[in-house]
Amino acid sequence: MGWWQTRSGAVIGDPAADYVDDLIAKGQAYVEPSELPAKIRERLKAIYVEGLGREPTEEDLPAVLAFCL
């Protein structure tokens, strides 16, 4: 498990990517963070807090969604 910073400054991690991959496998694919239901957005926030000690930035969520699509 790890977390990586992209060239744009976004951070993508295995836990967040695994969660998004699971959603996609269930037919719940999201392209933009604005499409995320509140429950999913809160879970992603919790994953970032647990793994990094901070909430995802405005760059993190689009990056992890794009990475998994």
PDB file of N, CA and C in Angstrom:
ATOM      1  N   MET A   1       0.843  -1.184   0.000  1.00  0.00           N
ATOM      2  CA  MET A   1       0.000   0.000   0.000  1.00  0.00           C
ATOM      3  C   MET A   1       0.879   1.236   0.000  1.00  0.00           C
ATOM      4  N   GLY A   2       0.444   2.213  -0.727  1.00  0.00           N
ATOM      5  CA  GLY A   2       1.217   3.431  -0.774  1.00  0.00           C
ATOM      6  C   GLY A   2       0.399   4.598  -1.256  1.00  0.00           C
ATOM      7  N   TRP A   3       1.004   5.751  -1.127  1.00  0.00           N
ATOM      8  CA  TRP A   3       0.418   7.000  -1.592  1.00  0.00           C
ATOM      9  C   TRP A   3       1.454   7.677  -2.467  1.00  0.00           C
ATOM     10  N   TRP A   4       1.005   8.247  -3.600  1.00  0.00           N
ATOM     11  CA  TRP A   4       1.912   8.886  -4.541  1.00  0.00           C
ATOM     12  C   TRP A   4       1.422  10.271  -4.906  1.00  0.00           C
ATOM     13  N   GLN A   5       2.382  11.161  -5.094  1.00  0.00           N
ATOM     14  CA  GLN A   5       2.037  12.506  -5.543  1.00  0.00           C
ATOM     15  C   GLN A   5       2.250  12.571  -7.049  1.00  0.00           C
ATOM     16  N   THR A   6       1.232  13.054  -7.759  1.00  0.00           N
ATOM     17  CA  THR A   6       1.313  13.180  -9.208  1.00  0.00           C
ATOM     18  C   THR A   6       2.078  14.444  -9.583  1.00  0.00           C
ATOM     19  N   ARG A   7       2.361  14.590 -10.836  1.00  0.00           N
ATOM     20  CA  ARG A   7       3.044  15.799 -11.315  1.00  0.00           C
ATOM     21  C   ARG A   7       2.241  17.055 -11.025  1.00  0.00           C
ATOM     22  N   SER A   8       0.908  16.910 -11.037  1.00  0.00           N
ATOM     23  CA  SER A   8       0.044  18.071 -10.797  1.00  0.00           C
ATOM     24  C   SER A   8      -0.040  18.425  -9.311  1.00  0.00           C
ATOM     25  N   GLY A   9       0.494  17.559  -8.456  1.00  0.00           N
ATOM     26  CA  GLY A   9       0.445  17.809  -7.022  1.00  0.00           C
ATOM     27  C   GLY A   9      -0.640  17.018  -6.303  1.00  0.00           C
ATOM     28  N   ALA A  10      -1.493  16.337  -7.060  1.00  0.00           N
ATOM     29  CA  ALA A  10      -2.532  15.513  -6.451  1.00  0.00           C
ATOM     30  C   ALA A  10      -1.899  14.278  -5.818  1.00  0.00           C
ATOM     31  N   VAL A  11      -2.577  13.737  -4.826  1.00  0.00           N
ATOM     32  CA  VAL A  11      -2.102  12.529  -4.170  1.00  0.00           C
ATOM     33  C   VAL A  11      -3.111  11.416  -4.409  1.00  0.00           C
ATOM     34  N   ILE A  12      -2.597  10.282  -4.883  1.00  0.00           N
ATOM     35  CA  ILE A  12      -3.404   9.098  -5.142  1.00  0.00           C
ATOM     36  C   ILE A  12      -2.832   7.974  -4.293  1.00  0.00           C
ATOM     37  N   GLY A  13      -3.706   7.229  -3.655  1.00  0.00           N
ATOM     38  CA  GLY A  13      -3.244   6.117  -2.836  1.00  0.00           C
ATOM     39  C   GLY A  13      -3.991   4.840  -3.126  1.00  0.00           C
ATOM     40  N   ASP A  14      -3.346   3.723  -2.796  1.00  0.00           N
ATOM     41  CA  ASP A  14      -3.980   2.421  -2.988  1.00  0.00           C
ATOM     42  C   ASP A  14      -5.341   2.319  -2.304  1.00  0.00           C
ATOM     43  N   PRO A  15      -5.481   2.759  -1.046  1.00  0.00           N
ATOM     44  CA  PRO A  15      -6.789   2.614  -0.402  1.00  0.00           C
ATOM     45  C   PRO A  15      -7.904   3.371  -1.131  1.00  0.00           C
ATOM     46  N   ALA A  16      -7.617   4.590  -1.553  1.00  0.00           N
ATOM     47  CA  ALA A  16      -8.624   5.383  -2.269  1.00  0.00           C
ATOM     48  C   ALA A  16      -8.901   4.779  -3.640  1.00  0.00           C
ATOM     49  N   ALA A  17      -7.855   4.369  -4.342  1.00  0.00           N
ATOM     50  CA  ALA A  17      -8.032   3.770  -5.661  1.00  0.00           C
ATOM     51  C   ALA A  17      -8.791   2.448  -5.561  1.00  0.00           C
ATOM     52  N   ASP A  18      -8.493   1.648  -4.542  1.00  0.00           N
ATOM     53  CA  ASP A  18      -9.208   0.378  -4.357  1.00  0.00           C
ATOM     54  C   ASP A  18     -10.692   0.623  -4.114  1.00  0.00           C
ATOM     55  N   TYR A  19     -11.010   1.632  -3.326  1.00  0.00           N
ATOM     56  CA  TYR A  19     -12.409   1.967  -3.052  1.00  0.00           C
ATOM     57  C   TYR A  19     -13.121   2.384  -4.337  1.00  0.00           C
ATOM     58  N   VAL A  20     -12.493   3.234  -5.130  1.00  0.00           N
ATOM     59  CA  VAL A  20     -13.093   3.685  -6.394  1.00  0.00           C
ATOM     60  C   VAL A  20     -13.222   2.505  -7.357  1.00  0.00           C
ATOM     61  N   ASP A  21     -12.204   1.645  -7.415  1.00  0.00           N
ATOM     62  CA  ASP A  21     -12.284   0.452  -8.268  1.00  0.00           C
ATOM     63  C   ASP A  21     -13.465  -0.432  -7.873  1.00  0.00           C
ATOM     64  N   ASP A  22     -13.697  -0.591  -6.567  1.00  0.00           N
ATOM     65  CA  ASP A  22     -14.837  -1.384  -6.092  1.00  0.00           C
ATOM     66  C   ASP A  22     -16.161  -0.761  -6.543  1.00  0.00           C
ATOM     67  N   LEU A  23     -16.238   0.562  -6.484  1.00  0.00           N
ATOM     68  CA  LEU A  23     -17.450   1.244  -6.946  1.00  0.00           C
ATOM     69  C   LEU A  23     -17.677   0.998  -8.431  1.00  0.00           C
ATOM     70  N   ILE A  24     -16.615   1.099  -9.209  1.00  0.00           N
ATOM     71  CA  ILE A  24     -16.716   0.880 -10.654  1.00  0.00           C
ATOM     72  C   ILE A  24     -17.175  -0.544 -10.937  1.00  0.00           C
ATOM     73  N   ALA A  25     -16.642  -1.503 -10.195  1.00  0.00           N
ATOM     74  CA  ALA A  25     -17.030  -2.910 -10.375  1.00  0.00           C
ATOM     75  C   ALA A  25     -18.516  -3.123 -10.083  1.00  0.00           C
ATOM     76  N   LYS A  26     -19.080  -2.269  -9.236  1.00  0.00           N
ATOM     77  CA  LYS A  26     -20.506  -2.346  -8.900  1.00  0.00           C
ATOM     78  C   LYS A  26     -21.362  -1.502  -9.842  1.00  0.00           C
ATOM     79  N   GLY A  27     -20.725  -0.931 -10.875  1.00  0.00           N
ATOM     80  CA  GLY A  27     -21.454  -0.122 -11.843  1.00  0.00           C
ATOM     81  C   GLY A  27     -21.638   1.320 -11.435  1.00  0.00           C
ATOM     82  N   GLN A  28     -20.861   1.767 -10.454  1.00  0.00           N
ATOM     83  CA  GLN A  28     -20.955   3.151  -9.976  1.00  0.00           C
ATOM     84  C   GLN A  28     -19.684   3.904 -10.356  1.00  0.00           C
ATOM     85  N   ALA A  29     -19.578   4.302 -11.599  1.00  0.00           N
ATOM     86  CA  ALA A  29     -18.413   5.047 -12.070  1.00  0.00           C
ATOM     87  C   ALA A  29     -18.733   6.538 -12.069  1.00  0.00           C
ATOM     88  N   TYR A  30     -17.788   7.317 -11.583  1.00  0.00           N
ATOM     89  CA  TYR A  30     -17.944   8.773 -11.522  1.00  0.00           C
ATOM     90  C   TYR A  30     -16.743   9.413 -12.203  1.00  0.00           C
ATOM     91  N   VAL A  31     -17.004  10.411 -13.036  1.00  0.00           N
ATOM     92  CA  VAL A  31     -15.938  11.093 -13.762  1.00  0.00           C
ATOM     93  C   VAL A  31     -15.502  12.354 -13.018  1.00  0.00           C
ATOM     94  N   GLU A  32     -16.458  13.076 -12.474  1.00  0.00           N
ATOM     95  CA  GLU A  32     -16.178  14.343 -11.787  1.00  0.00           C
ATOM     96  C   GLU A  32     -16.542  14.221 -10.306  1.00  0.00           C
ATOM     97  N   PRO A  33     -15.761  14.852  -9.444  1.00  0.00           N
ATOM     98  CA  PRO A  33     -16.094  14.834  -8.020  1.00  0.00           C
ATOM     99  C   PRO A  33     -17.494  15.372  -7.718  1.00  0.00           C
ATOM    100  N   SER A  34     -17.969  16.298  -8.519  1.00  0.00           N
ATOM    101  CA  SER A  34     -19.304  16.857  -8.295  1.00  0.00           C
ATOM    102  C   SER A  34     -20.401  15.804  -8.473  1.00  0.00           C
ATOM    103  N   GLU A  35     -20.101  14.711  -9.151  1.00  0.00           N
ATOM    104  CA  GLU A  35     -21.060  13.628  -9.353  1.00  0.00           C
ATOM    105  C   GLU A  35     -21.147  12.689  -8.146  1.00  0.00           C
ATOM    106  N   LEU A  36     -20.180  12.764  -7.243  1.00  0.00           N
ATOM    107  CA  LEU A  36     -20.116  11.835  -6.116  1.00  0.00           C
ATOM    108  C   LEU A  36     -21.260  12.066  -5.129  1.00  0.00           C
ATOM    109  N   PRO A  37     -21.990  11.016  -4.794  1.00  0.00           N
ATOM    110  CA  PRO A  37     -22.985  11.145  -3.725  1.00  0.00           C
ATOM    111  C   PRO A  37     -22.277  11.469  -2.405  1.00  0.00           C
ATOM    112  N   ALA A  38     -22.981  12.121  -1.510  1.00  0.00           N
ATOM    113  CA  ALA A  38     -22.385  12.560  -0.235  1.00  0.00           C
ATOM    114  C   ALA A  38     -21.757  11.404   0.534  1.00  0.00           C
ATOM    115  N   LYS A  39     -22.417  10.249   0.551  1.00  0.00           N
ATOM    116  CA  LYS A  39     -21.903   9.095   1.295  1.00  0.00           C
ATOM    117  C   LYS A  39     -20.543   8.639   0.750  1.00  0.00           C
ATOM    118  N   ILE A  40     -20.394   8.632  -0.557  1.00  0.00           N
ATOM    119  CA  ILE A  40     -19.130   8.217  -1.185  1.00  0.00           C
ATOM    120  C   ILE A  40     -18.059   9.268  -0.958  1.00  0.00           C
ATOM    121  N   ARG A  41     -18.422  10.535  -1.078  1.00  0.00           N
ATOM    122  CA  ARG A  41     -17.462  11.618  -0.827  1.00  0.00           C
ATOM    123  C   ARG A  41     -16.953  11.542   0.618  1.00  0.00           C
ATOM    124  N   GLU A  42     -17.843  11.286   1.558  1.00  0.00           N
ATOM    125  CA  GLU A  42     -17.437  11.183   2.969  1.00  0.00           C
ATOM    126  C   GLU A  42     -16.511   9.996   3.190  1.00  0.00           C
ATOM    127  N   ARG A  43     -16.778   8.883   2.526  1.00  0.00           N
ATOM    128  CA  ARG A  43     -15.902   7.716   2.666  1.00  0.00           C
ATOM    129  C   ARG A  43     -14.520   8.006   2.108  1.00  0.00           C
ATOM    130  N   LEU A  44     -14.457   8.675   0.959  1.00  0.00           N
ATOM    131  CA  LEU A  44     -13.151   9.045   0.404  1.00  0.00           C
ATOM    132  C   LEU A  44     -12.402   9.995   1.337  1.00  0.00           C
ATOM    133  N   LYS A  45     -13.111  10.945   1.923  1.00  0.00           N
ATOM    134  CA  LYS A  45     -12.478  11.846   2.891  1.00  0.00           C
ATOM    135  C   LYS A  45     -11.894  11.049   4.053  1.00  0.00           C
ATOM    136  N   ALA A  46     -12.656  10.089   4.556  1.00  0.00           N
ATOM    137  CA  ALA A  46     -12.192   9.266   5.677  1.00  0.00           C
ATOM    138  C   ALA A  46     -10.956   8.454   5.291  1.00  0.00           C
ATOM    139  N   ILE A  47     -10.917   7.959   4.073  1.00  0.00           N
ATOM    140  CA  ILE A  47      -9.760   7.193   3.604  1.00  0.00           C
ATOM    141  C   ILE A  47      -8.522   8.081   3.578  1.00  0.00           C
ATOM    142  N   TYR A  48      -8.653   9.299   3.090  1.00  0.00           N
ATOM    143  CA  TYR A  48      -7.515  10.224   3.058  1.00  0.00           C
ATOM    144  C   TYR A  48      -7.076  10.614   4.465  1.00  0.00           C
ATOM    145  N   VAL A  49      -8.018  10.869   5.346  1.00  0.00           N
ATOM    146  CA  VAL A  49      -7.672  11.231   6.723  1.00  0.00           C
ATOM    147  C   VAL A  49      -6.939  10.072   7.394  1.00  0.00           C
ATOM    148  N   GLU A  50      -7.439   8.862   7.208  1.00  0.00           N
ATOM    149  CA  GLU A  50      -6.810   7.692   7.813  1.00  0.00           C
ATOM    150  C   GLU A  50      -5.406   7.456   7.259  1.00  0.00           C
ATOM    151  N   GLY A  51      -5.247   7.602   5.951  1.00  0.00           N
ATOM    152  CA  GLY A  51      -3.964   7.311   5.318  1.00  0.00           C
ATOM    153  C   GLY A  51      -2.952   8.433   5.350  1.00  0.00           C
ATOM    154  N   LEU A  52      -3.433   9.679   5.261  1.00  0.00           N
ATOM    155  CA  LEU A  52      -2.526  10.824   5.149  1.00  0.00           C
ATOM    156  C   LEU A  52      -2.640  11.821   6.298  1.00  0.00           C
ATOM    157  N   GLY A  53      -3.688  11.684   7.088  1.00  0.00           N
ATOM    158  CA  GLY A  53      -3.887  12.641   8.168  1.00  0.00           C
ATOM    159  C   GLY A  53      -4.483  13.954   7.708  1.00  0.00           C
ATOM    160  N   ARG A  54      -5.070  13.939   6.508  1.00  0.00           N
ATOM    161  CA  ARG A  54      -5.714  15.151   5.981  1.00  0.00           C
ATOM    162  C   ARG A  54      -6.812  14.758   5.018  1.00  0.00           C
ATOM    163  N   GLU A  55      -7.729  15.684   4.773  1.00  0.00           N
ATOM    164  CA  GLU A  55      -8.778  15.463   3.777  1.00  0.00           C
ATOM    165  C   GLU A  55      -8.194  15.628   2.377  1.00  0.00           C
ATOM    166  N   PRO A  56      -8.854  15.043   1.381  1.00  0.00           N
ATOM    167  CA  PRO A  56      -8.358  15.216   0.016  1.00  0.00           C
ATOM    168  C   PRO A  56      -8.479  16.668  -0.439  1.00  0.00           C
ATOM    169  N   THR A  57      -7.513  17.093  -1.238  1.00  0.00           N
ATOM    170  CA  THR A  57      -7.550  18.445  -1.791  1.00  0.00           C
ATOM    171  C   THR A  57      -8.441  18.467  -3.023  1.00  0.00           C
ATOM    172  N   GLU A  58      -8.637  19.638  -3.583  1.00  0.00           N
ATOM    173  CA  GLU A  58      -9.427  19.786  -4.808  1.00  0.00           C
ATOM    174  C   GLU A  58      -8.787  19.027  -5.975  1.00  0.00           C
ATOM    175  N   GLU A  59      -7.484  18.807  -5.924  1.00  0.00           N
ATOM    176  CA  GLU A  59      -6.785  18.084  -6.980  1.00  0.00           C
ATOM    177  C   GLU A  59      -6.852  16.573  -6.785  1.00  0.00           C
ATOM    178  N   ASP A  60      -6.943  16.127  -5.541  1.00  0.00           N
ATOM    179  CA  ASP A  60      -6.874  14.693  -5.246  1.00  0.00           C
ATOM    180  C   ASP A  60      -8.053  13.905  -5.804  1.00  0.00           C
ATOM    181  N   LEU A  61      -9.266  14.363  -5.575  1.00  0.00           N
ATOM    182  CA  LEU A  61     -10.432  13.593  -5.994  1.00  0.00           C
ATOM    183  C   LEU A  61     -10.510  13.409  -7.512  1.00  0.00           C
ATOM    184  N   PRO A  62     -10.343  14.463  -8.323  1.00  0.00           N
ATOM    185  CA  PRO A  62     -10.372  14.238  -9.773  1.00  0.00           C
ATOM    186  C   PRO A  62      -9.259  13.283 -10.223  1.00  0.00           C
ATOM    187  N   ALA A  63      -8.104  13.379  -9.578  1.00  0.00           N
ATOM    188  CA  ALA A  63      -6.973  12.525  -9.963  1.00  0.00           C
ATOM    189  C   ALA A  63      -7.246  11.057  -9.675  1.00  0.00           C
ATOM    190  N   VAL A  64      -7.800  10.764  -8.505  1.00  0.00           N
ATOM    191  CA  VAL A  64      -8.059   9.360  -8.182  1.00  0.00           C
ATOM    192  C   VAL A  64      -9.199   8.811  -9.035  1.00  0.00           C
ATOM    193  N   LEU A  65     -10.194   9.618  -9.338  1.00  0.00           N
ATOM    194  CA  LEU A  65     -11.270   9.156 -10.233  1.00  0.00           C
ATOM    195  C   LEU A  65     -10.729   8.872 -11.628  1.00  0.00           C
ATOM    196  N   ALA A  66      -9.924   9.771 -12.168  1.00  0.00           N
ATOM    197  CA  ALA A  66      -9.358   9.594 -13.513  1.00  0.00           C
ATOM    198  C   ALA A  66      -8.408   8.407 -13.549  1.00  0.00           C
ATOM    199  N   PHE A  67      -7.631   8.218 -12.500  1.00  0.00           N
ATOM    200  CA  PHE A  67      -6.680   7.121 -12.418  1.00  0.00           C
ATOM    201  C   PHE A  67      -7.388   5.767 -12.531  1.00  0.00           C
ATOM    202  N   CYS A  68      -8.567   5.666 -11.958  1.00  0.00           N
ATOM    203  CA  CYS A  68      -9.280   4.393 -11.918  1.00  0.00           C
ATOM    204  C   CYS A  68     -10.135   4.121 -13.144  1.00  0.00           C
ATOM    205  N   LEU A  69     -10.426   5.136 -13.925  1.00  0.00           N
ATOM    206  CA  LEU A  69     -11.273   4.908 -15.112  1.00  0.00           C
ATOM    207  C   LEU A  69     -10.513   4.328 -16.273  1.00  0.00           C
TER     208      LEU A  69
END
